[in-house]
PDB file of N, CA and C in Angstrom:
ATOM      1  N   MET A   1     107.734-131.776 139.378  1.00  0.00           N
ATOM      2  CA  MET A   1     109.147-131.637 139.188  1.00  0.00           C
ATOM      3  C   MET A   1     109.351-131.299 137.746  1.00  0.00           C
ATOM      4  N   THR A   2     110.097-130.106 137.221  1.00  0.00           N
ATOM      5  CA  THR A   2     110.414-129.944 136.011  1.00  0.00           C
ATOM      6  C   THR A   2     111.508-130.858 135.537  1.00  0.00           C
ATOM      7  N   GLU A   3     111.560-130.877 134.189  1.00  0.00           N
ATOM      8  CA  GLU A   3     112.575-131.594 133.420  1.00  0.00           C
ATOM      9  C   GLU A   3     114.151-131.026 133.939  1.00  0.00           C
ATOM     10  N   ILE A   4     114.095-129.691 133.937  1.00  0.00           N
ATOM     11  CA  ILE A   4     115.392-129.080 134.410  1.00  0.00           C
ATOM     12  C   ILE A   4     115.824-129.370 135.680  1.00  0.00           C
ATOM     13  N   THR A   5     114.687-129.395 136.666  1.00  0.00           N
ATOM     14  CA  THR A   5     115.018-129.697 138.041  1.00  0.00           C
ATOM     15  C   THR A   5     115.578-131.055 138.209  1.00  0.00           C
ATOM     16  N   PHE A   6     114.878-131.947 137.399  1.00  0.00           N
ATOM     17  CA  PHE A   6     115.270-133.297 137.463  1.00  0.00           C
ATOM     18  C   PHE A   6     116.653-133.638 137.031  1.00  0.00           C
ATOM     19  N   ALA A   7     116.924-133.072 135.905  1.00  0.00           N
ATOM     20  CA  ALA A   7     118.182-132.956 135.337  1.00  0.00           C
ATOM     21  C   ALA A   7     119.511-132.421 136.311  1.00  0.00           C
ATOM     22  N   ALA A   8     119.145-131.426 136.769  1.00  0.00           N
ATOM     23  CA  ALA A   8     119.929-130.784 137.838  1.00  0.00           C
ATOM     24  C   ALA A   8     120.174-131.610 138.982  1.00  0.00           C
ATOM     25  N   LEU A   9     119.102-132.178 139.489  1.00  0.00           N
ATOM     26  CA  LEU A   9     119.253-133.239 140.630  1.00  0.00           C
ATOM     27  C   LEU A   9     120.170-134.382 140.137  1.00  0.00           C
ATOM     28  N   LEU A  10     119.999-134.771 139.139  1.00  0.00           N
ATOM     29  CA  LEU A  10     120.513-136.033 138.686  1.00  0.00           C
ATOM     30  C   LEU A  10     122.113-135.804 138.483  1.00  0.00           C
ATOM     31  N   PHE A  11     122.495-134.827 137.816  1.00  0.00           N
ATOM     32  CA  PHE A  11     123.780-134.256 137.572  1.00  0.00           C
ATOM     33  C   PHE A  11     124.416-134.150 138.976  1.00  0.00           C
ATOM     34  N   SER A  12     123.716-133.365 139.914  1.00  0.00           N
ATOM     35  CA  SER A  12     124.274-133.077 141.152  1.00  0.00           C
ATOM     36  C   SER A  12     124.568-134.316 141.995  1.00  0.00           C
ATOM     37  N   MET A  13     123.801-135.434 141.844  1.00  0.00           N
ATOM     38  CA  MET A  13     124.296-136.664 142.420  1.00  0.00           C
ATOM     39  C   MET A  13     125.253-137.395 141.703  1.00  0.00           C
ATOM     40  N   VAL A  14     125.536-137.103 140.501  1.00  0.00           N
ATOM     41  CA  VAL A  14     126.600-137.652 139.721  1.00  0.00           C
ATOM     42  C   VAL A  14     128.007-136.829 140.237  1.00  0.00           C
ATOM     43  N   GLY A  15     127.789-135.453 140.394  1.00  0.00           N
ATOM     44  CA  GLY A  15     129.035-134.821 140.815  1.00  0.00           C
ATOM     45  C   GLY A  15     129.330-135.135 142.277  1.00  0.00           C
ATOM     46  N   VAL A  16     128.351-135.527 143.182  1.00  0.00           N
ATOM     47  CA  VAL A  16     128.677-135.805 144.612  1.00  0.00           C
ATOM     48  C   VAL A  16     129.333-137.180 144.454  1.00  0.00           C
ATOM     49  N   LEU A  17     128.837-137.956 143.585  1.00  0.00           N
ATOM     50  CA  LEU A  17     129.477-139.388 143.348  1.00  0.00           C
ATOM     51  C   LEU A  17     131.105-139.342 142.949  1.00  0.00           C
ATOM     52  N   TYR A  18     131.368-138.387 142.109  1.00  0.00           N
ATOM     53  CA  TYR A  18     132.688-138.172 141.656  1.00  0.00           C
ATOM     54  C   TYR A  18     133.365-137.578 142.882  1.00  0.00           C
ATOM     55  N   ILE A  19     133.005-136.714 143.667  1.00  0.00           N
ATOM     56  CA  ILE A  19     133.639-136.217 144.716  1.00  0.00           C
ATOM     57  C   ILE A  19     134.027-137.259 145.776  1.00  0.00           C
ATOM     58  N   GLY A  20     133.093-138.094 145.893  1.00  0.00           N
ATOM     59  CA  GLY A  20     133.167-139.400 146.864  1.00  0.00           C
ATOM     60  C   GLY A  20     134.129-140.313 146.353  1.00  0.00           C
ATOM     61  N   LEU A  21     134.126-140.558 145.192  1.00  0.00           N
ATOM     62  CA  LEU A  21     135.202-141.466 144.501  1.00  0.00           C
ATOM     63  C   LEU A  21     136.577-140.859 144.435  1.00  0.00           C
ATOM     64  N   GLY A  22     136.681-139.500 144.521  1.00  0.00           N
ATOM     65  CA  GLY A  22     137.928-138.772 144.235  1.00  0.00           C
ATOM     66  C   GLY A  22     138.810-138.709 145.581  1.00  0.00           C
ATOM     67  N   ILE A  23     137.847-138.530 146.586  1.00  0.00           N
ATOM     68  CA  ILE A  23     138.521-138.215 147.923  1.00  0.00           C
ATOM     69  C   ILE A  23     139.535-139.411 148.347  1.00  0.00           C
ATOM     70  N   PRO A  24     139.141-140.681 148.333  1.00  0.00           N
ATOM     71  CA  PRO A  24     140.065-141.652 148.619  1.00  0.00           C
ATOM     72  C   PRO A  24     141.263-141.801 147.862  1.00  0.00           C
ATOM     73  N   LEU A  25     140.975-141.645 146.710  1.00  0.00           N
ATOM     74  CA  LEU A  25     142.199-141.471 145.688  1.00  0.00           C
ATOM     75  C   LEU A  25     143.199-140.592 145.930  1.00  0.00           C
ATOM     76  N   LEU A  26     142.736-139.280 146.282  1.00  0.00           N
ATOM     77  CA  LEU A  26     143.619-138.138 146.598  1.00  0.00           C
ATOM     78  C   LEU A  26     144.300-138.484 147.830  1.00  0.00           C
ATOM     79  N   GLN A  27     143.750-138.985 148.804  1.00  0.00           N
ATOM     80  CA  GLN A  27     144.341-139.485 150.142  1.00  0.00           C
ATOM     81  C   GLN A  27     145.294-140.504 150.006  1.00  0.00           C
ATOM     82  N   GLY A  28     145.317-141.273 148.837  1.00  0.00           N
ATOM     83  CA  GLY A  28     146.315-142.478 148.869  1.00  0.00           C
ATOM     84  C   GLY A  28     145.739-143.631 149.552  1.00  0.00           C
ATOM     85  N   ARG A  29     144.532-143.727 149.860  1.00  0.00           N
ATOM     86  CA  ARG A  29     143.856-144.896 150.457  1.00  0.00           C
ATOM     87  C   ARG A  29     143.514-146.122 149.689  1.00  0.00           C
ATOM     88  N   ILE A  30     143.539-145.884 148.266  1.00  0.00           N
ATOM     89  CA  ILE A  30     143.081-147.221 147.522  1.00  0.00           C
ATOM     90  C   ILE A  30     144.427-147.923 146.817  1.00  0.00           C
ATOM     91  N   PRO A  31     144.592-148.992 147.283  1.00  0.00           N
ATOM     92  CA  PRO A  31     145.677-149.742 146.767  1.00  0.00           C
ATOM     93  C   PRO A  31     145.599-150.059 145.401  1.00  0.00           C
ATOM     94  N   PRO A  32     146.817-150.650 144.803  1.00  0.00           N
ATOM     95  CA  PRO A  32     146.487-150.935 143.411  1.00  0.00           C
ATOM     96  C   PRO A  32     145.421-152.150 143.396  1.00  0.00           C
ATOM     97  N   ASN A  33     144.618-151.992 142.459  1.00  0.00           N
ATOM     98  CA  ASN A  33     143.484-153.009 142.173  1.00  0.00           C
ATOM     99  C   ASN A  33     143.058-152.838 140.584  1.00  0.00           C
ATOM    100  N   ARG A  34     142.153-153.830 140.323  1.00  0.00           N
ATOM    101  CA  ARG A  34     141.870-153.856 138.874  1.00  0.00           C
ATOM    102  C   ARG A  34     140.433-153.133 138.851  1.00  0.00           C
ATOM    103  N   PHE A  35     139.859-152.478 139.743  1.00  0.00           N
ATOM    104  CA  PHE A  35     138.599-152.054 139.678  1.00  0.00           C
ATOM    105  C   PHE A  35     138.268-150.494 139.668  1.00  0.00           C
ATOM    106  N   TYR A  36     139.308-149.975 140.492  1.00  0.00           N
ATOM    107  CA  TYR A  36     138.974-148.458 140.934  1.00  0.00           C
ATOM    108  C   TYR A  36     140.222-147.801 140.831  1.00  0.00           C
ATOM    109  N   GLY A  37     140.313-146.701 139.985  1.00  0.00           N
ATOM    110  CA  GLY A  37     141.353-145.722 140.074  1.00  0.00           C
ATOM    111  C   GLY A  37     141.838-145.712 138.552  1.00  0.00           C
ATOM    112  N   SER A  38     143.062-145.262 138.390  1.00  0.00           N
ATOM    113  CA  SER A  38     143.593-144.969 137.033  1.00  0.00           C
ATOM    114  C   SER A  38     144.399-146.323 136.788  1.00  0.00           C
ATOM    115  N   ARG A  39     143.621-147.387 136.042  1.00  0.00           N
ATOM    116  CA  ARG A  39     144.386-148.600 135.932  1.00  0.00           C
ATOM    117  C   ARG A  39     145.158-148.752 134.473  1.00  0.00           C
ATOM    118  N   THR A  40     146.356-148.777 134.456  1.00  0.00           N
ATOM    119  CA  THR A  40     147.048-149.026 133.336  1.00  0.00           C
ATOM    120  C   THR A  40     148.125-149.904 133.682  1.00  0.00           C
ATOM    121  N   LYS A  41     148.959-150.486 132.541  1.00  0.00           N
ATOM    122  CA  LYS A  41     149.952-151.420 132.813  1.00  0.00           C
ATOM    123  C   LYS A  41     150.879-150.744 133.691  1.00  0.00           C
ATOM    124  N   LYS A  42     151.174-149.618 133.500  1.00  0.00           N
ATOM    125  CA  LYS A  42     152.343-148.765 134.165  1.00  0.00           C
ATOM    126  C   LYS A  42     152.047-148.575 135.744  1.00  0.00           C
ATOM    127  N   THR A  43     150.667-148.008 135.847  1.00  0.00           N
ATOM    128  CA  THR A  43     150.334-147.723 137.331  1.00  0.00           C
ATOM    129  C   THR A  43     150.144-149.169 138.179  1.00  0.00           C
ATOM    130  N   LEU A  44     149.714-150.272 137.431  1.00  0.00           N
ATOM    131  CA  LEU A  44     149.681-151.416 138.166  1.00  0.00           C
ATOM    132  C   LEU A  44     151.061-152.108 138.261  1.00  0.00           C
ATOM    133  N   SER A  45     151.789-151.728 137.657  1.00  0.00           N
ATOM    134  CA  SER A  45     153.406-152.288 137.792  1.00  0.00           C
ATOM    135  C   SER A  45     154.128-151.858 138.944  1.00  0.00           C
ATOM    136  N   ASP A  46     153.744-150.549 139.461  1.00  0.00           N
ATOM    137  CA  ASP A  46     154.618-150.014 140.629  1.00  0.00           C
ATOM    138  C   ASP A  46     153.568-149.234 141.546  1.00  0.00           C
ATOM    139  N   GLU A  47     153.713-149.547 142.713  1.00  0.00           N
ATOM    140  CA  GLU A  47     152.892-148.756 143.780  1.00  0.00           C
ATOM    141  C   GLU A  47     153.227-147.338 143.766  1.00  0.00           C
ATOM    142  N   ARG A  48     154.430-147.006 143.559  1.00  0.00           N
ATOM    143  CA  ARG A  48     154.636-145.483 143.790  1.00  0.00           C
ATOM    144  C   ARG A  48     154.057-144.818 142.512  1.00  0.00           C
ATOM    145  N   ILE A  49     153.925-145.338 141.354  1.00  0.00           N
ATOM    146  CA  ILE A  49     153.374-144.761 140.087  1.00  0.00           C
ATOM    147  C   ILE A  49     151.891-144.777 140.574  1.00  0.00           C
ATOM    148  N   TRP A  50     151.385-145.898 140.883  1.00  0.00           N
ATOM    149  CA  TRP A  50     149.874-146.095 141.444  1.00  0.00           C
ATOM    150  C   TRP A  50     149.452-144.933 142.118  1.00  0.00           C
ATOM    151  N   TYR A  51     150.068-144.695 143.265  1.00  0.00           N
ATOM    152  CA  TYR A  51     149.546-143.542 144.257  1.00  0.00           C
ATOM    153  C   TYR A  51     149.865-142.246 143.801  1.00  0.00           C
ATOM    154  N   ALA A  52     150.843-141.952 142.982  1.00  0.00           N
ATOM    155  CA  ALA A  52     151.129-140.631 142.382  1.00  0.00           C
ATOM    156  C   ALA A  52     149.962-140.383 141.380  1.00  0.00           C
ATOM    157  N   VAL A  53     149.870-141.184 140.385  1.00  0.00           N
ATOM    158  CA  VAL A  53     148.742-140.915 139.305  1.00  0.00           C
ATOM    159  C   VAL A  53     147.466-140.896 140.038  1.00  0.00           C
ATOM    160  N   ASN A  54     147.091-141.761 140.898  1.00  0.00           N
ATOM    161  CA  ASN A  54     145.711-141.586 141.333  1.00  0.00           C
ATOM    162  C   ASN A  54     145.496-140.365 142.308  1.00  0.00           C
ATOM    163  N   ARG A  55     146.515-139.902 142.728  1.00  0.00           N
ATOM    164  CA  ARG A  55     146.472-138.711 143.447  1.00  0.00           C
ATOM    165  C   ARG A  55     145.931-137.367 142.559  1.00  0.00           C
ATOM    166  N   VAL A  56     146.465-137.684 141.456  1.00  0.00           N
ATOM    167  CA  VAL A  56     146.060-136.717 140.363  1.00  0.00           C
ATOM    168  C   VAL A  56     144.562-136.892 139.867  1.00  0.00           C
ATOM    169  N   THR A  57     144.483-138.267 139.752  1.00  0.00           N
ATOM    170  CA  THR A  57     143.051-138.568 139.212  1.00  0.00           C
ATOM    171  C   THR A  57     141.978-138.388 140.498  1.00  0.00           C
ATOM    172  N   GLY A  58     142.272-138.647 141.547  1.00  0.00           N
ATOM    173  CA  GLY A  58     141.312-138.017 142.601  1.00  0.00           C
ATOM    174  C   GLY A  58     140.965-136.638 142.705  1.00  0.00           C
ATOM    175  N   ARG A  59     142.284-135.902 142.493  1.00  0.00           N
ATOM    176  CA  ARG A  59     142.134-134.399 142.620  1.00  0.00           C
ATOM    177  C   ARG A  59     141.190-133.963 141.453  1.00  0.00           C
ATOM    178  N   ASP A  60     141.443-134.469 140.186  1.00  0.00           N
ATOM    179  CA  ASP A  60     140.516-134.089 139.059  1.00  0.00           C
ATOM    180  C   ASP A  60     139.038-134.645 139.296  1.00  0.00           C
ATOM    181  N   LEU A  61     138.745-135.875 139.913  1.00  0.00           N
ATOM    182  CA  LEU A  61     137.372-136.131 140.062  1.00  0.00           C
ATOM    183  C   LEU A  61     136.834-135.076 141.063  1.00  0.00           C
ATOM    184  N   ILE A  62     137.606-134.726 142.190  1.00  0.00           N
ATOM    185  CA  ILE A  62     136.910-133.820 142.894  1.00  0.00           C
ATOM    186  C   ILE A  62     136.625-132.589 142.360  1.00  0.00           C
ATOM    187  N   ILE A  63     137.607-132.053 141.542  1.00  0.00           N
ATOM    188  CA  ILE A  63     137.363-130.679 140.850  1.00  0.00           C
ATOM    189  C   ILE A  63     136.223-130.875 139.705  1.00  0.00           C
ATOM    190  N   GLY A  64     136.178-131.944 139.075  1.00  0.00           N
ATOM    191  CA  GLY A  64     134.987-132.142 138.039  1.00  0.00           C
ATOM    192  C   GLY A  64     133.614-132.428 138.998  1.00  0.00           C
ATOM    193  N   GLY A  65     133.704-133.036 139.827  1.00  0.00           N
ATOM    194  CA  GLY A  65     132.437-133.263 140.650  1.00  0.00           C
ATOM    195  C   GLY A  65     132.083-131.882 141.140  1.00  0.00           C
ATOM    196  N   VAL A  66     132.838-131.067 141.731  1.00  0.00           N
ATOM    197  CA  VAL A  66     132.371-129.836 142.100  1.00  0.00           C
ATOM    198  C   VAL A  66     131.958-128.886 140.970  1.00  0.00           C
ATOM    199  N   ALA A  67     132.532-128.905 139.953  1.00  0.00           N
ATOM    200  CA  ALA A  67     132.111-128.345 138.764  1.00  0.00           C
ATOM    201  C   ALA A  67     130.631-128.661 138.178  1.00  0.00           C
ATOM    202  N   VAL A  68     130.416-130.041 138.205  1.00  0.00           N
ATOM    203  CA  VAL A  68     129.281-130.603 137.873  1.00  0.00           C
ATOM    204  C   VAL A  68     128.195-130.034 139.019  1.00  0.00           C
ATOM    205  N   VAL A  69     128.443-130.023 140.192  1.00  0.00           N
ATOM    206  CA  VAL A  69     127.418-129.719 141.039  1.00  0.00           C
ATOM    207  C   VAL A  69     127.238-128.157 141.000  1.00  0.00           C
ATOM    208  N   ILE A  70     128.210-127.385 140.909  1.00  0.00           N
ATOM    209  CA  ILE A  70     127.965-126.006 140.705  1.00  0.00           C
ATOM    210  C   ILE A  70     127.004-125.733 139.456  1.00  0.00           C
ATOM    211  N   THR A  71     127.382-126.298 138.456  1.00  0.00           N
ATOM    212  CA  THR A  71     126.662-126.082 137.118  1.00  0.00           C
ATOM    213  C   THR A  71     125.252-126.341 137.323  1.00  0.00           C
ATOM    214  N   SER A  72     125.034-127.707 138.056  1.00  0.00           N
ATOM    215  CA  SER A  72     123.753-128.154 138.336  1.00  0.00           C
ATOM    216  C   SER A  72     122.815-127.195 139.087  1.00  0.00           C
ATOM    217  N   VAL A  73     123.559-126.644 140.169  1.00  0.00           N
ATOM    218  CA  VAL A  73     122.812-125.684 141.067  1.00  0.00           C
ATOM    219  C   VAL A  73     122.481-124.423 140.213  1.00  0.00           C
ATOM    220  N   GLY A  74     123.537-123.958 139.399  1.00  0.00           N
ATOM    221  CA  GLY A  74     123.191-122.777 138.644  1.00  0.00           C
ATOM    222  C   GLY A  74     122.199-122.966 137.530  1.00  0.00           C
ATOM    223  N   ILE A  75     121.983-124.185 137.006  1.00  0.00           N
ATOM    224  CA  ILE A  75     120.949-124.540 136.072  1.00  0.00           C
ATOM    225  C   ILE A  75     119.643-124.365 136.694  1.00  0.00           C
ATOM    226  N   HIS A  76     119.558-125.126 137.884  1.00  0.00           N
ATOM    227  CA  HIS A  76     118.244-125.167 138.742  1.00  0.00           C
ATOM    228  C   HIS A  76     117.813-123.676 139.179  1.00  0.00           C
ATOM    229  N   PHE A  77     118.781-122.884 139.530  1.00  0.00           N
ATOM    230  CA  PHE A  77     118.221-121.731 139.832  1.00  0.00           C
ATOM    231  C   PHE A  77     118.077-120.643 138.811  1.00  0.00           C
ATOM    232  N   PHE A  78     118.943-120.653 137.957  1.00  0.00           N
ATOM    233  CA  PHE A  78     119.081-119.676 136.827  1.00  0.00           C
ATOM    234  C   PHE A  78     118.616-120.203 135.430  1.00  0.00           C
ATOM    235  N   GLY A  79     118.395-121.253 135.485  1.00  0.00           N
ATOM    236  CA  GLY A  79     118.290-121.833 133.810  1.00  0.00           C
ATOM    237  C   GLY A  79     116.824-122.443 133.779  1.00  0.00           C
ATOM    238  N   GLN A  80     115.909-122.130 134.640  1.00  0.00           N
ATOM    239  CA  GLN A  80     114.512-122.744 134.391  1.00  0.00           C
ATOM    240  C   GLN A  80     113.948-122.109 133.060  1.00  0.00           C
ATOM    241  N   SER A  81     114.342-121.128 132.435  1.00  0.00           N
ATOM    242  CA  SER A  81     113.799-120.676 131.356  1.00  0.00           C
ATOM    243  C   SER A  81     114.402-121.329 130.038  1.00  0.00           C
ATOM    244  N   LEU A  82     115.520-122.146 130.429  1.00  0.00           N
ATOM    245  CA  LEU A  82     116.063-122.805 129.172  1.00  0.00           C
ATOM    246  C   LEU A  82     115.492-123.850 128.551  1.00  0.00           C
ATOM    247  N   ASP A  83     115.482-124.277 127.360  1.00  0.00           N
ATOM    248  CA  ASP A  83     115.042-125.618 126.735  1.00  0.00           C
ATOM    249  C   ASP A  83     115.752-126.743 127.661  1.00  0.00           C
ATOM    250  N   PRO A  84     114.886-127.753 128.091  1.00  0.00           N
ATOM    251  CA  PRO A  84     115.416-128.716 128.824  1.00  0.00           C
ATOM    252  C   PRO A  84     116.607-129.530 128.044  1.00  0.00           C
ATOM    253  N   HIS A  85     116.593-129.633 126.973  1.00  0.00           N
ATOM    254  CA  HIS A  85     117.653-130.209 126.085  1.00  0.00           C
ATOM    255  C   HIS A  85     118.829-129.434 126.120  1.00  0.00           C
ATOM    256  N   HIS A  86     118.589-128.002 126.076  1.00  0.00           N
ATOM    257  CA  HIS A  86     119.931-127.173 126.149  1.00  0.00           C
ATOM    258  C   HIS A  86     120.550-127.340 127.689  1.00  0.00           C
ATOM    259  N   ALA A  87     119.522-127.266 128.587  1.00  0.00           N
ATOM    260  CA  ALA A  87     120.276-127.457 130.137  1.00  0.00           C
ATOM    261  C   ALA A  87     120.976-128.855 130.080  1.00  0.00           C
ATOM    262  N   THR A  88     120.378-129.881 129.674  1.00  0.00           N
ATOM    263  CA  THR A  88     121.018-131.182 129.793  1.00  0.00           C
ATOM    264  C   THR A  88     122.384-131.180 128.930  1.00  0.00           C
ATOM    265  N   THR A  89     122.391-130.522 127.732  1.00  0.00           N
ATOM    266  CA  THR A  89     123.439-130.412 127.022  1.00  0.00           C
ATOM    267  C   THR A  89     124.647-129.711 127.836  1.00  0.00           C
ATOM    268  N   ILE A  90     124.098-128.635 128.477  1.00  0.00           N
ATOM    269  CA  ILE A  90     125.269-127.910 129.227  1.00  0.00           C
ATOM    270  C   ILE A  90     125.809-128.798 130.490  1.00  0.00           C
ATOM    271  N   LEU A  91     124.989-129.479 131.171  1.00  0.00           N
ATOM    272  CA  LEU A  91     125.392-130.369 132.155  1.00  0.00           C
ATOM    273  C   LEU A  91     126.148-131.535 131.725  1.00  0.00           C
ATOM    274  N   LEU A  92     125.928-132.190 130.455  1.00  0.00           N
ATOM    275  CA  LEU A  92     126.594-133.319 129.982  1.00  0.00           C
ATOM    276  C   LEU A  92     127.916-132.780 129.540  1.00  0.00           C
ATOM    277  N   THR A  93     127.896-131.536 128.959  1.00  0.00           N
ATOM    278  CA  THR A  93     129.329-130.983 128.295  1.00  0.00           C
ATOM    279  C   THR A  93     130.172-130.900 129.496  1.00  0.00           C
ATOM    280  N   VAL A  94     129.775-130.326 130.589  1.00  0.00           N
ATOM    281  CA  VAL A  94     130.731-129.995 131.872  1.00  0.00           C
ATOM    282  C   VAL A  94     131.286-131.386 132.310  1.00  0.00           C
ATOM    283  N   LEU A  95     130.304-132.378 132.386  1.00  0.00           N
ATOM    284  CA  LEU A  95     130.575-133.722 132.783  1.00  0.00           C
ATOM    285  C   LEU A  95     131.610-134.383 131.965  1.00  0.00           C
ATOM    286  N   VAL A  96     131.366-134.400 130.536  1.00  0.00           N
ATOM    287  CA  VAL A  96     132.298-134.992 129.695  1.00  0.00           C
ATOM    288  C   VAL A  96     133.746-134.217 129.588  1.00  0.00           C
ATOM    289  N   VAL A  97     133.655-132.896 129.831  1.00  0.00           N
ATOM    290  CA  VAL A  97     134.919-131.999 129.701  1.00  0.00           C
ATOM    291  C   VAL A  97     135.805-132.339 130.957  1.00  0.00           C
ATOM    292  N   SER A  98     135.147-132.570 132.160  1.00  0.00           N
ATOM    293  CA  SER A  98     135.885-132.899 133.432  1.00  0.00           C
ATOM    294  C   SER A  98     136.412-134.390 133.231  1.00  0.00           C
ATOM    295  N   VAL A  99     135.777-135.323 132.621  1.00  0.00           N
ATOM    296  CA  VAL A  99     136.311-136.764 132.453  1.00  0.00           C
ATOM    297  C   VAL A  99     137.682-136.585 131.456  1.00  0.00           C
ATOM    298  N   ILE A 100     137.358-135.815 130.311  1.00  0.00           N
ATOM    299  CA  ILE A 100     138.502-135.667 129.425  1.00  0.00           C
ATOM    300  C   ILE A 100     139.662-135.097 130.093  1.00  0.00           C
ATOM    301  N   VAL A 101     139.681-134.041 130.843  1.00  0.00           N
ATOM    302  CA  VAL A 101     140.579-133.375 131.524  1.00  0.00           C
ATOM    303  C   VAL A 101     141.190-134.257 132.664  1.00  0.00           C
ATOM    304  N   MET A 102     140.429-135.075 133.258  1.00  0.00           N
ATOM    305  CA  MET A 102     141.000-135.989 134.477  1.00  0.00           C
ATOM    306  C   MET A 102     141.910-137.179 133.436  1.00  0.00           C
ATOM    307  N   VAL A 103     141.597-137.706 132.493  1.00  0.00           N
ATOM    308  CA  VAL A 103     142.047-138.524 131.616  1.00  0.00           C
ATOM    309  C   VAL A 103     143.403-137.936 131.147  1.00  0.00           C
ATOM    310  N   ILE A 104     143.407-136.859 130.411  1.00  0.00           N
ATOM    311  CA  ILE A 104     144.606-136.223 130.063  1.00  0.00           C
ATOM    312  C   ILE A 104     145.663-136.021 131.163  1.00  0.00           C
ATOM    313  N   ASN A 105     145.176-135.606 132.409  1.00  0.00           N
ATOM    314  CA  ASN A 105     146.054-135.214 133.550  1.00  0.00           C
ATOM    315  C   ASN A 105     146.534-136.373 133.979  1.00  0.00           C
ATOM    316  N   SER A 106     145.933-137.450 134.035  1.00  0.00           N
ATOM    317  CA  SER A 106     146.329-138.920 134.610  1.00  0.00           C
ATOM    318  C   SER A 106     147.273-139.411 133.687  1.00  0.00           C
ATOM    319  N   LEU A 107     147.277-139.189 132.375  1.00  0.00           N
ATOM    320  CA  LEU A 107     148.151-139.776 131.444  1.00  0.00           C
ATOM    321  C   LEU A 107     149.352-138.990 131.450  1.00  0.00           C
ATOM    322  N   LEU A 108     149.257-137.689 131.686  1.00  0.00           N
ATOM    323  CA  LEU A 108     150.486-136.840 131.714  1.00  0.00           C
ATOM    324  C   LEU A 108     151.306-137.127 132.948  1.00  0.00           C
ATOM    325  N   ALA A 109     150.442-137.488 134.071  1.00  0.00           N
ATOM    326  CA  ALA A 109     151.200-137.732 135.306  1.00  0.00           C
ATOM    327  C   ALA A 109     152.030-138.880 135.202  1.00  0.00           C
ATOM    328  N   GLN A 110     151.317-139.891 134.532  1.00  0.00           N
ATOM    329  CA  GLN A 110     152.039-141.113 134.459  1.00  0.00           C
ATOM    330  C   GLN A 110     153.177-141.135 133.407  1.00  0.00           C
ATOM    331  N   ARG A 111     153.134-140.394 132.354  1.00  0.00           N
ATOM    332  CA  ARG A 111     154.157-140.182 131.553  1.00  0.00           C
ATOM    333  C   ARG A 111     155.438-139.665 132.325  1.00  0.00           C
ATOM    334  N   THR A 112     155.297-138.738 133.213  1.00  0.00           N
ATOM    335  CA  THR A 112     156.398-138.114 133.949  1.00  0.00           C
ATOM    336  C   THR A 112     157.127-139.159 134.963  1.00  0.00           C
ATOM    337  N   MET A 113     156.268-140.394 135.115  1.00  0.00           N
ATOM    338  CA  MET A 113     156.945-141.279 136.107  1.00  0.00           C
ATOM    339  C   MET A 113     157.912-142.074 135.428  1.00  0.00           C
TER     340      MET A 113
END
């Protein structure tokens, strides 16, 4: 297994994990808690805010997970000629950007409540 294949597989698993974590949040199945979801003073103070903000968080986790999986598959099939460090940098950038977007969107959703 090449380094690029390993990185693509590893990041694909992270993307699938993001999707798996995002679905229950998007569906509103996770009650307020201190371990899972967008946990701030404001979201923990009101169930209505919790569910609204965590639907946004769940949606963004799913979108980010899909983006990571698509990028991983693309790197695996089309990026074998890349330097392994460049491939990993691309994958990590997609992952980090998706987390940043998720945090910003969650805070914006919370701010409107």
